Amino acid sequence: MIHYGRDKDKKKVLELLFEQRKDSLKKFGIEVFLKELFGYYGILK
């Protein structure tokens, strides 16, 4: 449901999920930055 939210709401959820999972992602060789995620979800600010 993140895709259909308002930008400020999507940003909050993505920040929370990112903080919870960034270490696990790194363990599997997935390097992603929060700013990249915002771009994937169309958040420009």
PDB file of N, CA and C in Angstrom:
ATOM      1  N   MET A   1       0.815  -1.203   0.000  1.00  0.00           N
ATOM      2  CA  MET A   1       0.000   0.000   0.000  1.00  0.00           C
ATOM      3  C   MET A   1       0.857   1.265   0.000  1.00  0.00           C
ATOM      4  N   ILE A   2       2.141   1.103   0.144  1.00  0.00           N
ATOM      5  CA  ILE A   2       3.023   2.270   0.162  1.00  0.00           C
ATOM      6  C   ILE A   2       2.892   3.056  -1.139  1.00  0.00           C
ATOM      7  N   HIS A   3       2.721   2.359  -2.241  1.00  0.00           N
ATOM      8  CA  HIS A   3       2.684   3.013  -3.546  1.00  0.00           C
ATOM      9  C   HIS A   3       1.575   4.047  -3.662  1.00  0.00           C
ATOM     10  N   TYR A   4       0.504   3.878  -2.936  1.00  0.00           N
ATOM     11  CA  TYR A   4      -0.661   4.741  -3.102  1.00  0.00           C
ATOM     12  C   TYR A   4      -0.784   5.833  -2.047  1.00  0.00           C
ATOM     13  N   GLY A   5       0.157   5.915  -1.146  1.00  0.00           N
ATOM     14  CA  GLY A   5       0.096   6.913  -0.074  1.00  0.00           C
ATOM     15  C   GLY A   5       0.575   8.281  -0.513  1.00  0.00           C
ATOM     16  N   ARG A   6       0.386   9.228   0.373  1.00  0.00           N
ATOM     17  CA  ARG A   6       0.924  10.570   0.138  1.00  0.00           C
ATOM     18  C   ARG A   6       2.426  10.522   0.390  1.00  0.00           C
ATOM     19  N   ASP A   7       3.155  11.430  -0.250  1.00  0.00           N
ATOM     20  CA  ASP A   7       4.614  11.415  -0.140  1.00  0.00           C
ATOM     21  C   ASP A   7       5.094  11.449   1.304  1.00  0.00           C
ATOM     22  N   LYS A   8       4.506  12.312   2.124  1.00  0.00           N
ATOM     23  CA  LYS A   8       4.990  12.404   3.507  1.00  0.00           C
ATOM     24  C   LYS A   8       4.725  11.116   4.278  1.00  0.00           C
ATOM     25  N   ASP A   9       3.630  10.433   3.962  1.00  0.00           N
ATOM     26  CA  ASP A   9       3.329   9.160   4.625  1.00  0.00           C
ATOM     27  C   ASP A   9       4.249   8.050   4.122  1.00  0.00           C
ATOM     28  N   LYS A  10       4.473   8.021   2.811  1.00  0.00           N
ATOM     29  CA  LYS A  10       5.375   7.022   2.239  1.00  0.00           C
ATOM     30  C   LYS A  10       6.775   7.185   2.813  1.00  0.00           C
ATOM     31  N   LYS A  11       7.192   8.433   2.963  1.00  0.00           N
ATOM     32  CA  LYS A  11       8.534   8.713   3.469  1.00  0.00           C
ATOM     33  C   LYS A  11       8.720   8.157   4.884  1.00  0.00           C
ATOM     34  N   LYS A  12       7.725   8.360   5.735  1.00  0.00           N
ATOM     35  CA  LYS A  12       7.796   7.852   7.111  1.00  0.00           C
ATOM     36  C   LYS A  12       7.912   6.330   7.137  1.00  0.00           C
ATOM     37  N   VAL A  13       7.077   5.676   6.345  1.00  0.00           N
ATOM     38  CA  VAL A  13       7.070   4.210   6.322  1.00  0.00           C
ATOM     39  C   VAL A  13       8.387   3.679   5.763  1.00  0.00           C
ATOM     40  N   LEU A  14       8.858   4.279   4.680  1.00  0.00           N
ATOM     41  CA  LEU A  14      10.114   3.827   4.091  1.00  0.00           C
ATOM     42  C   LEU A  14      11.292   4.025   5.041  1.00  0.00           C
ATOM     43  N   GLU A  15      11.314   5.141   5.747  1.00  0.00           N
ATOM     44  CA  GLU A  15      12.383   5.382   6.720  1.00  0.00           C
ATOM     45  C   GLU A  15      12.372   4.316   7.808  1.00  0.00           C
ATOM     46  N   LEU A  16      11.197   3.984   8.297  1.00  0.00           N
ATOM     47  CA  LEU A  16      11.065   2.968   9.341  1.00  0.00           C
ATOM     48  C   LEU A  16      11.520   1.596   8.833  1.00  0.00           C
ATOM     49  N   LEU A  17      11.007   1.195   7.676  1.00  0.00           N
ATOM     50  CA  LEU A  17      11.371  -0.108   7.121  1.00  0.00           C
ATOM     51  C   LEU A  17      12.855  -0.183   6.795  1.00  0.00           C
ATOM     52  N   PHE A  18      13.389   0.894   6.260  1.00  0.00           N
ATOM     53  CA  PHE A  18      14.808   0.928   5.916  1.00  0.00           C
ATOM     54  C   PHE A  18      15.679   0.735   7.153  1.00  0.00           C
ATOM     55  N   GLU A  19      15.362   1.441   8.209  1.00  0.00           N
ATOM     56  CA  GLU A  19      16.144   1.323   9.443  1.00  0.00           C
ATOM     57  C   GLU A  19      16.071  -0.089  10.015  1.00  0.00           C
ATOM     58  N   GLN A  20      14.918  -0.728   9.885  1.00  0.00           N
ATOM     59  CA  GLN A  20      14.745  -2.080  10.417  1.00  0.00           C
ATOM     60  C   GLN A  20      15.502  -3.124   9.603  1.00  0.00           C
ATOM     61  N   ARG A  21      15.680  -2.877   8.309  1.00  0.00           N
ATOM     62  CA  ARG A  21      16.173  -3.938   7.423  1.00  0.00           C
ATOM     63  C   ARG A  21      17.510  -3.668   6.754  1.00  0.00           C
ATOM     64  N   LYS A  22      18.091  -2.492   6.962  1.00  0.00           N
ATOM     65  CA  LYS A  22      19.312  -2.161   6.222  1.00  0.00           C
ATOM     66  C   LYS A  22      20.463  -3.123   6.518  1.00  0.00           C
ATOM     67  N   ASP A  23      20.610  -3.573   7.746  1.00  0.00           N
ATOM     68  CA  ASP A  23      21.692  -4.504   8.078  1.00  0.00           C
ATOM     69  C   ASP A  23      21.486  -5.859   7.405  1.00  0.00           C
ATOM     70  N   SER A  24      20.255  -6.325   7.376  1.00  0.00           N
ATOM     71  CA  SER A  24      19.954  -7.595   6.710  1.00  0.00           C
ATOM     72  C   SER A  24      20.222  -7.499   5.215  1.00  0.00           C
ATOM     73  N   LEU A  25      19.862  -6.389   4.624  1.00  0.00           N
ATOM     74  CA  LEU A  25      20.111  -6.198   3.195  1.00  0.00           C
ATOM     75  C   LEU A  25      21.609  -6.242   2.902  1.00  0.00           C
ATOM     76  N   LYS A  26      22.392  -5.586   3.734  1.00  0.00           N
ATOM     77  CA  LYS A  26      23.851  -5.578   3.543  1.00  0.00           C
ATOM     78  C   LYS A  26      24.433  -6.984   3.650  1.00  0.00           C
ATOM     79  N   LYS A  27      23.900  -7.793   4.558  1.00  0.00           N
ATOM     80  CA  LYS A  27      24.377  -9.171   4.716  1.00  0.00           C
ATOM     81  C   LYS A  27      24.240  -9.956   3.421  1.00  0.00           C
ATOM     82  N   PHE A  28      23.201  -9.648   2.657  1.00  0.00           N
ATOM     83  CA  PHE A  28      22.944 -10.354   1.408  1.00  0.00           C
ATOM     84  C   PHE A  28      23.524  -9.632   0.196  1.00  0.00           C
ATOM     85  N   GLY A  29      24.354  -8.628   0.460  1.00  0.00           N
ATOM     86  CA  GLY A  29      25.025  -7.926  -0.629  1.00  0.00           C
ATOM     87  C   GLY A  29      24.167  -6.908  -1.346  1.00  0.00           C
ATOM     88  N   ILE A  30      23.091  -6.501  -0.713  1.00  0.00           N
ATOM     89  CA  ILE A  30      22.203  -5.503  -1.311  1.00  0.00           C
ATOM     90  C   ILE A  30      22.502  -4.165  -0.662  1.00  0.00           C
ATOM     91  N   GLU A  31      23.085  -3.281  -1.453  1.00  0.00           N
ATOM     92  CA  GLU A  31      23.404  -1.956  -0.926  1.00  0.00           C
ATOM     93  C   GLU A  31      22.449  -0.948  -1.554  1.00  0.00           C
ATOM     94  N   VAL A  32      21.634  -0.386  -0.718  1.00  0.00           N
ATOM     95  CA  VAL A  32      20.659   0.602  -1.176  1.00  0.00           C
ATOM     96  C   VAL A  32      20.660   1.747  -0.171  1.00  0.00           C
ATOM     97  N   PHE A  33      20.413   2.923  -0.668  1.00  0.00           N
ATOM     98  CA  PHE A  33      20.395   4.100   0.185  1.00  0.00           C
ATOM     99  C   PHE A  33      18.973   4.634   0.278  1.00  0.00           C
ATOM    100  N   LEU A  34      18.676   5.281   1.367  1.00  0.00           N
ATOM    101  CA  LEU A  34      17.331   5.792   1.601  1.00  0.00           C
ATOM    102  C   LEU A  34      16.893   6.730   0.481  1.00  0.00           C
ATOM    103  N   LYS A  35      17.796   7.559   0.035  1.00  0.00           N
ATOM    104  CA  LYS A  35      17.470   8.501  -1.046  1.00  0.00           C
ATOM    105  C   LYS A  35      17.072   7.751  -2.325  1.00  0.00           C
ATOM    106  N   GLU A  36      17.722   6.620  -2.584  1.00  0.00           N
ATOM    107  CA  GLU A  36      17.368   5.795  -3.736  1.00  0.00           C
ATOM    108  C   GLU A  36      15.941   5.269  -3.601  1.00  0.00           C
ATOM    109  N   LEU A  37      15.623   4.777  -2.415  1.00  0.00           N
ATOM    110  CA  LEU A  37      14.273   4.255  -2.183  1.00  0.00           C
ATOM    111  C   LEU A  37      13.225   5.327  -2.424  1.00  0.00           C
ATOM    112  N   PHE A  38      13.494   6.515  -1.935  1.00  0.00           N
ATOM    113  CA  PHE A  38      12.553   7.610  -2.161  1.00  0.00           C
ATOM    114  C   PHE A  38      12.334   7.809  -3.657  1.00  0.00           C
ATOM    115  N   GLY A  39      13.392   7.750  -4.423  1.00  0.00           N
ATOM    116  CA  GLY A  39      13.281   7.897  -5.874  1.00  0.00           C
ATOM    117  C   GLY A  39      12.436   6.799  -6.499  1.00  0.00           C
ATOM    118  N   TYR A  40      12.617   5.556  -6.041  1.00  0.00           N
ATOM    119  CA  TYR A  40      11.841   4.433  -6.565  1.00  0.00           C
ATOM    120  C   TYR A  40      10.346   4.622  -6.320  1.00  0.00           C
ATOM    121  N   TYR A  41      10.019   5.289  -5.234  1.00  0.00           N
ATOM    122  CA  TYR A  41       8.619   5.508  -4.878  1.00  0.00           C
ATOM    123  C   TYR A  41       8.109   6.882  -5.300  1.00  0.00           C
ATOM    124  N   GLY A  42       8.890   7.592  -6.094  1.00  0.00           N
ATOM    125  CA  GLY A  42       8.444   8.870  -6.636  1.00  0.00           C
ATOM    126  C   GLY A  42       8.447  10.016  -5.642  1.00  0.00           C
ATOM    127  N   ILE A  43       9.237   9.888  -4.589  1.00  0.00           N
ATOM    128  CA  ILE A  43       9.330  10.953  -3.591  1.00  0.00           C
ATOM    129  C   ILE A  43      10.531  11.812  -3.965  1.00  0.00           C
ATOM    130  N   LEU A  44      10.272  13.027  -4.369  1.00  0.00           N
ATOM    131  CA  LEU A  44      11.338  13.883  -4.875  1.00  0.00           C
ATOM    132  C   LEU A  44      11.923  14.799  -3.824  1.00  0.00           C
ATOM    133  N   LYS A  45      11.236  15.014  -2.734  1.00  0.00           N
ATOM    134  CA  LYS A  45      11.701  15.950  -1.708  1.00  0.00           C
ATOM    135  C   LYS A  45      12.458  15.240  -0.629  1.00  0.00           C
TER     136      LYS A  45
END
